[in-house]
């Protein structure tokens, strides 16, 4: 059980360091709980072995852990528009449960090797993946603008001037402004999917767009703290 705390904590530290939903204590508790259930399944019913109508199956409780841990992983998955976050954290919680079951069953070598591979996947492969996919990922931007002729063209021109490619665009009319009061002028939500070549180009383009008078609000993962031209209370958020 102490080994389960150590192995689960190692994975949890990486998740905590990256500011994810399930962190240090969550991974420790999942790993420790899985180990305890495995120990219970293997040794907790030994007094019933000699009963005539009792059949022992040490894997039965373990199977319930593997299927039941999904509810905890689902709580770590968040959806924001077209972006889904938390899948890796949910997977790490599921793997930690498997590590705990391995420790409880006495499969220490497998548990430690699995922990090492998980840490390599979460830490080293994460950096390699970001480097490899830096020019192939799409960045999502939500912009609320005053719906008047030429507004969309001006925003598209800014992206073009900064060498930012628009992969997809969704336009949704809005009857209210960001503050909830009836709009004096009709407004519209624009959802851009941008293909990133250089991150600094996207940041520069968003800064220029945020300063435009017809822009009411702008939401992006790359930039925070910018004031939009159309509303003093709106800002670009992470």
Protein backbone atom coordinates (compact mmCIF):
# COMPACT_ATOMS: atom_id res chain seq x y z
CA UNK A 1 0.00 0.00 0.00
CA UNK A 2 2.94 2.34 0.67
CA UNK A 3 4.36 1.44 -2.74
CA UNK A 4 0.99 2.33 -4.28
CA UNK A 5 1.11 5.75 -2.61
CA UNK A 6 4.62 6.34 -3.99
CA UNK A 7 3.87 5.22 -7.55
CA UNK A 8 0.53 7.01 -7.74
CA UNK A 9 2.07 10.13 -6.23
CA UNK A 10 4.82 10.22 -8.87
CA UNK A 11 2.25 10.39 -11.66
CA UNK A 12 0.09 12.80 -9.68
CA UNK A 13 2.99 15.22 -9.22
CA UNK A 14 3.35 15.56 -13.00
CA UNK A 15 -0.39 16.26 -13.38
CA UNK A 16 -0.32 18.73 -10.47
CA UNK A 17 2.71 20.50 -11.95
CA UNK A 18 0.80 20.94 -15.22
CA UNK A 19 -2.28 22.35 -13.39
CA UNK A 20 -4.69 19.61 -14.42
CA UNK A 21 -7.97 18.72 -12.74
CA UNK A 22 -6.83 15.45 -11.16
CA UNK A 23 -3.55 16.05 -9.38
CA UNK A 24 -1.28 14.71 -6.66
CA UNK A 25 -3.78 13.57 -4.02
CA UNK A 26 -6.33 12.28 -6.54
CA UNK A 27 -3.83 9.93 -8.15
CA UNK A 28 -2.58 8.73 -4.75
CA UNK A 29 -6.12 7.95 -3.60
CA UNK A 30 -7.02 6.13 -6.82
CA UNK A 31 -3.85 4.02 -6.72
CA UNK A 32 -4.18 3.28 -3.00
CA UNK A 33 -7.87 2.44 -3.31
CA UNK A 34 -7.22 0.08 -6.21
CA UNK A 35 -4.46 -1.65 -4.26
CA UNK A 36 -6.70 -2.08 -1.22
CA UNK A 37 -9.52 -3.52 -3.33
CA UNK A 38 -7.10 -5.95 -4.98
CA UNK A 39 -5.79 -7.04 -1.57
CA UNK A 40 -9.35 -7.48 -0.38
CA UNK A 41 -10.21 -9.52 -3.46
CA UNK A 42 -7.16 -11.76 -3.09
CA UNK A 43 -6.98 -12.21 0.68
CA UNK A 44 -10.09 -10.74 2.30
CA UNK A 45 -12.36 -13.72 1.73
CA UNK A 46 -9.91 -16.51 2.59
CA UNK A 47 -12.10 -17.69 5.45
CA UNK A 48 -14.78 -18.71 2.96
CA UNK A 49 -12.50 -20.85 0.76
CA UNK A 50 -13.53 -24.12 2.38
CA UNK A 51 -17.26 -23.42 2.14
CA UNK A 52 -19.04 -25.94 -0.09
CA UNK A 53 -20.97 -23.52 -2.32
CA UNK A 54 -18.42 -20.67 -2.50
CA UNK A 55 -16.24 -20.11 -5.58
CA UNK A 56 -13.35 -17.70 -5.21
CA UNK A 57 -12.43 -15.35 -8.06
CA UNK A 58 -9.71 -12.81 -7.10
CA UNK A 59 -10.18 -10.98 -10.41
CA UNK A 60 -13.86 -10.15 -9.83
CA UNK A 61 -13.39 -7.01 -7.72
CA UNK A 62 -10.45 -5.95 -9.90
CA UNK A 63 -12.71 -6.01 -12.96
CA UNK A 64 -15.17 -3.72 -11.20
CA UNK A 65 -12.39 -1.22 -10.45
CA UNK A 66 -11.35 -1.04 -14.11
CA UNK A 67 -14.91 -0.39 -15.29
CA UNK A 68 -15.95 1.78 -12.35
CA UNK A 69 -13.01 4.18 -12.47
CA UNK A 70 -14.51 5.68 -15.63
CA UNK A 71 -16.85 7.95 -13.67
CA UNK A 72 -13.86 9.66 -12.03
CA UNK A 73 -12.06 10.05 -15.34
CA UNK A 74 -15.19 11.52 -16.94
CA UNK A 75 -15.19 14.25 -14.30
CA UNK A 76 -11.76 15.40 -15.50
CA UNK A 77 -12.91 15.83 -19.12
CA UNK A 78 -14.07 19.35 -19.98
CA UNK A 79 -15.58 20.64 -23.22
CA UNK A 80 -15.27 24.27 -24.26
CA UNK A 81 -16.74 24.81 -27.70
CA UNK A 82 -14.82 22.61 -30.11
CA UNK A 83 -12.00 22.09 -27.62
CA UNK A 84 -11.93 19.07 -25.30
CA UNK A 85 -9.58 19.05 -22.33
CA UNK A 86 -8.76 16.44 -19.73
CA UNK A 87 -8.59 13.28 -21.83
CA UNK A 88 -4.95 12.66 -20.89
CA UNK A 89 -5.68 13.23 -17.21
CA UNK A 90 -8.65 10.85 -17.38
CA UNK A 91 -6.41 8.25 -19.00
CA UNK A 92 -3.74 8.74 -16.32
CA UNK A 93 -6.35 8.13 -13.60
CA UNK A 94 -7.37 4.91 -15.33
CA UNK A 95 -3.75 3.75 -15.65
CA UNK A 96 -3.08 4.59 -11.99
CA UNK A 97 -5.96 2.27 -11.07
CA UNK A 98 -4.27 -0.49 -13.07
CA UNK A 99 -0.98 0.22 -11.26
CA UNK A 100 -2.75 -0.05 -7.92
CA UNK A 101 -4.29 -3.39 -8.89
CA UNK A 102 -0.86 -4.64 -9.95
CA UNK A 103 0.67 -3.63 -6.63
CA UNK A 104 -2.18 -5.28 -4.73
CA UNK A 105 -1.71 -8.50 -6.69
CA UNK A 106 2.03 -8.53 -5.96
CA UNK A 107 3.05 -7.70 -9.54
CA UNK A 108 5.57 -5.10 -8.38
CA UNK A 109 7.84 -5.18 -11.44
CA UNK A 110 4.94 -4.54 -13.79
CA UNK A 111 3.63 -1.73 -11.59
CA UNK A 112 7.00 0.07 -11.49
CA UNK A 113 7.65 -0.38 -15.22
CA UNK A 114 4.16 0.94 -15.98
CA UNK A 115 4.76 3.96 -13.73
CA UNK A 116 8.03 4.72 -15.52
CA UNK A 117 6.40 4.48 -18.95
CA UNK A 118 3.50 6.70 -17.86
CA UNK A 119 5.92 9.37 -16.64
CA UNK A 120 7.85 9.16 -19.91
CA UNK A 121 4.58 9.51 -21.86
CA UNK A 122 3.25 12.44 -19.82
CA UNK A 123 6.47 14.42 -19.52
CA UNK A 124 8.94 13.59 -22.29
CA UNK A 125 6.54 12.57 -25.06
CA UNK A 126 4.38 15.61 -24.32
CA UNK A 127 7.30 17.92 -25.14
CA UNK A 128 8.15 15.89 -28.25
CA UNK A 129 4.52 15.94 -29.42
CA UNK A 130 4.27 19.72 -29.03
CA UNK A 131 7.48 20.18 -31.03
CA UNK A 132 6.40 17.75 -33.74
CA UNK A 133 2.85 19.09 -34.13
CA UNK A 134 3.56 22.80 -33.65
CA UNK A 135 2.84 23.59 -37.33
CA UNK A 136 -0.14 21.24 -37.73
CA UNK A 137 -2.42 22.27 -34.89
CA UNK A 138 -5.40 24.57 -35.10
CA UNK A 139 -6.07 27.39 -32.70
CA UNK A 140 -9.64 28.33 -31.78
CA UNK A 141 -10.63 32.00 -31.43
CA UNK A 142 -14.07 33.39 -30.52
CA UNK A 143 -14.78 37.02 -31.44
CA UNK A 144 -17.96 39.03 -30.87
CA UNK A 145 -18.28 41.98 -33.22
CA UNK A 146 -20.78 44.68 -34.15
CA UNK A 147 -22.52 43.37 -37.24
CA UNK A 148 -21.93 46.03 -39.83
CA UNK A 149 -20.67 45.85 -43.42
CA UNK A 150 -16.94 45.29 -43.77
CA UNK A 151 -16.29 44.05 -40.20
CA UNK A 152 -15.54 40.46 -41.18
CA UNK A 153 -13.38 41.58 -44.09
CA UNK A 154 -11.24 43.77 -41.83
CA UNK A 155 -10.63 40.92 -39.39
CA UNK A 156 -9.79 38.50 -42.20
CA UNK A 157 -7.37 41.08 -43.65
CA UNK A 158 -5.54 41.32 -40.32
CA UNK A 159 -5.07 37.56 -40.22
CA UNK A 160 -3.85 37.61 -43.81
CA UNK A 161 -1.40 40.45 -43.15
CA UNK A 162 0.12 38.42 -40.30
CA UNK A 163 0.40 35.22 -42.36
CA UNK A 164 -2.29 33.43 -40.31
CA UNK A 165 -4.39 30.97 -42.30
CA UNK A 166 -8.12 30.69 -41.54
CA UNK A 167 -9.00 26.98 -41.72
CA UNK A 168 -12.66 27.32 -40.74
CA UNK A 169 -15.12 30.06 -39.82
CA UNK A 170 -18.52 29.86 -38.11
CA UNK A 171 -20.81 32.91 -37.87
CA UNK A 172 -23.67 33.11 -35.36
CA UNK A 173 -25.93 36.19 -35.03
CA UNK A 174 -26.43 37.51 -31.50
CA UNK A 175 -29.31 39.68 -30.28
CA UNK A 176 -27.58 40.80 -27.08
CA UNK A 177 -24.26 42.36 -26.22
CA UNK A 178 -21.75 40.72 -23.90
CA UNK A 179 -23.20 42.56 -20.88
CA UNK A 180 -26.70 41.13 -21.43
CA UNK A 181 -28.47 44.39 -22.37
CA UNK A 182 -30.30 44.75 -25.69
CA UNK A 183 -27.92 45.70 -28.45
CA UNK A 184 -28.14 49.14 -30.01
CA UNK A 185 -26.47 47.64 -33.07
CA UNK A 186 -26.79 43.96 -34.02
CA UNK A 187 -23.81 41.86 -33.00
CA UNK A 188 -22.39 38.57 -34.25
CA UNK A 189 -20.19 35.80 -32.87
CA UNK A 190 -17.34 34.62 -35.07
CA UNK A 191 -15.57 31.34 -34.33
CA UNK A 192 -12.25 31.00 -36.17
CA UNK A 193 -10.12 27.88 -36.53
CA UNK A 194 -6.63 29.14 -37.32
CA UNK A 195 -3.71 27.15 -38.64
CA UNK A 196 -0.65 28.22 -36.69
CA UNK A 197 2.74 28.57 -38.33
CA UNK A 198 4.34 30.95 -35.86
CA UNK A 199 2.67 31.65 -32.55
CA UNK A 200 3.95 35.22 -32.37
CA UNK A 201 2.15 36.03 -35.63
CA UNK A 202 -1.17 34.90 -34.17
CA UNK A 203 -0.59 36.91 -30.99
CA UNK A 204 0.19 40.06 -32.99
CA UNK A 205 -2.93 39.58 -35.12
CA UNK A 206 -5.14 39.09 -32.05
CA UNK A 207 -3.71 42.18 -30.39
CA UNK A 208 -4.54 44.27 -33.45
CA UNK A 209 -8.04 42.78 -33.78
CA UNK A 210 -8.77 43.34 -30.08
CA UNK A 211 -8.03 47.07 -30.52
CA UNK A 212 -10.66 47.50 -33.26
CA UNK A 213 -13.75 49.54 -32.35
CA UNK A 214 -16.23 46.98 -33.71
CA UNK A 215 -14.83 44.15 -31.56
CA UNK A 216 -16.91 43.62 -28.41
CA UNK A 217 -15.07 40.60 -26.98
CA UNK A 218 -12.30 38.22 -27.96
CA UNK A 219 -11.47 34.85 -26.41
CA UNK A 220 -8.24 33.02 -27.12
CA UNK A 221 -5.92 30.53 -25.42
CA UNK A 222 -2.77 32.31 -26.53
CA UNK A 223 -3.30 35.82 -25.22
CA UNK A 224 -4.76 37.23 -22.00
CA UNK A 225 -5.30 40.65 -20.53
CA UNK A 226 -6.00 42.59 -23.73
CA UNK A 227 -8.71 45.25 -23.82
CA UNK A 228 -11.06 45.09 -26.76
CA UNK A 229 -11.97 48.21 -28.66
CA UNK A 230 -15.74 47.80 -28.42
CA UNK A 231 -16.05 47.19 -24.65
CA UNK A 232 -13.86 48.41 -21.84
CA UNK A 233 -14.89 45.49 -19.64
CA UNK A 234 -14.14 42.76 -22.15
CA UNK A 235 -10.74 41.11 -22.34
CA UNK A 236 -8.99 38.31 -24.13
CA UNK A 237 -8.96 35.28 -21.83
CA UNK A 238 -6.92 32.14 -21.53
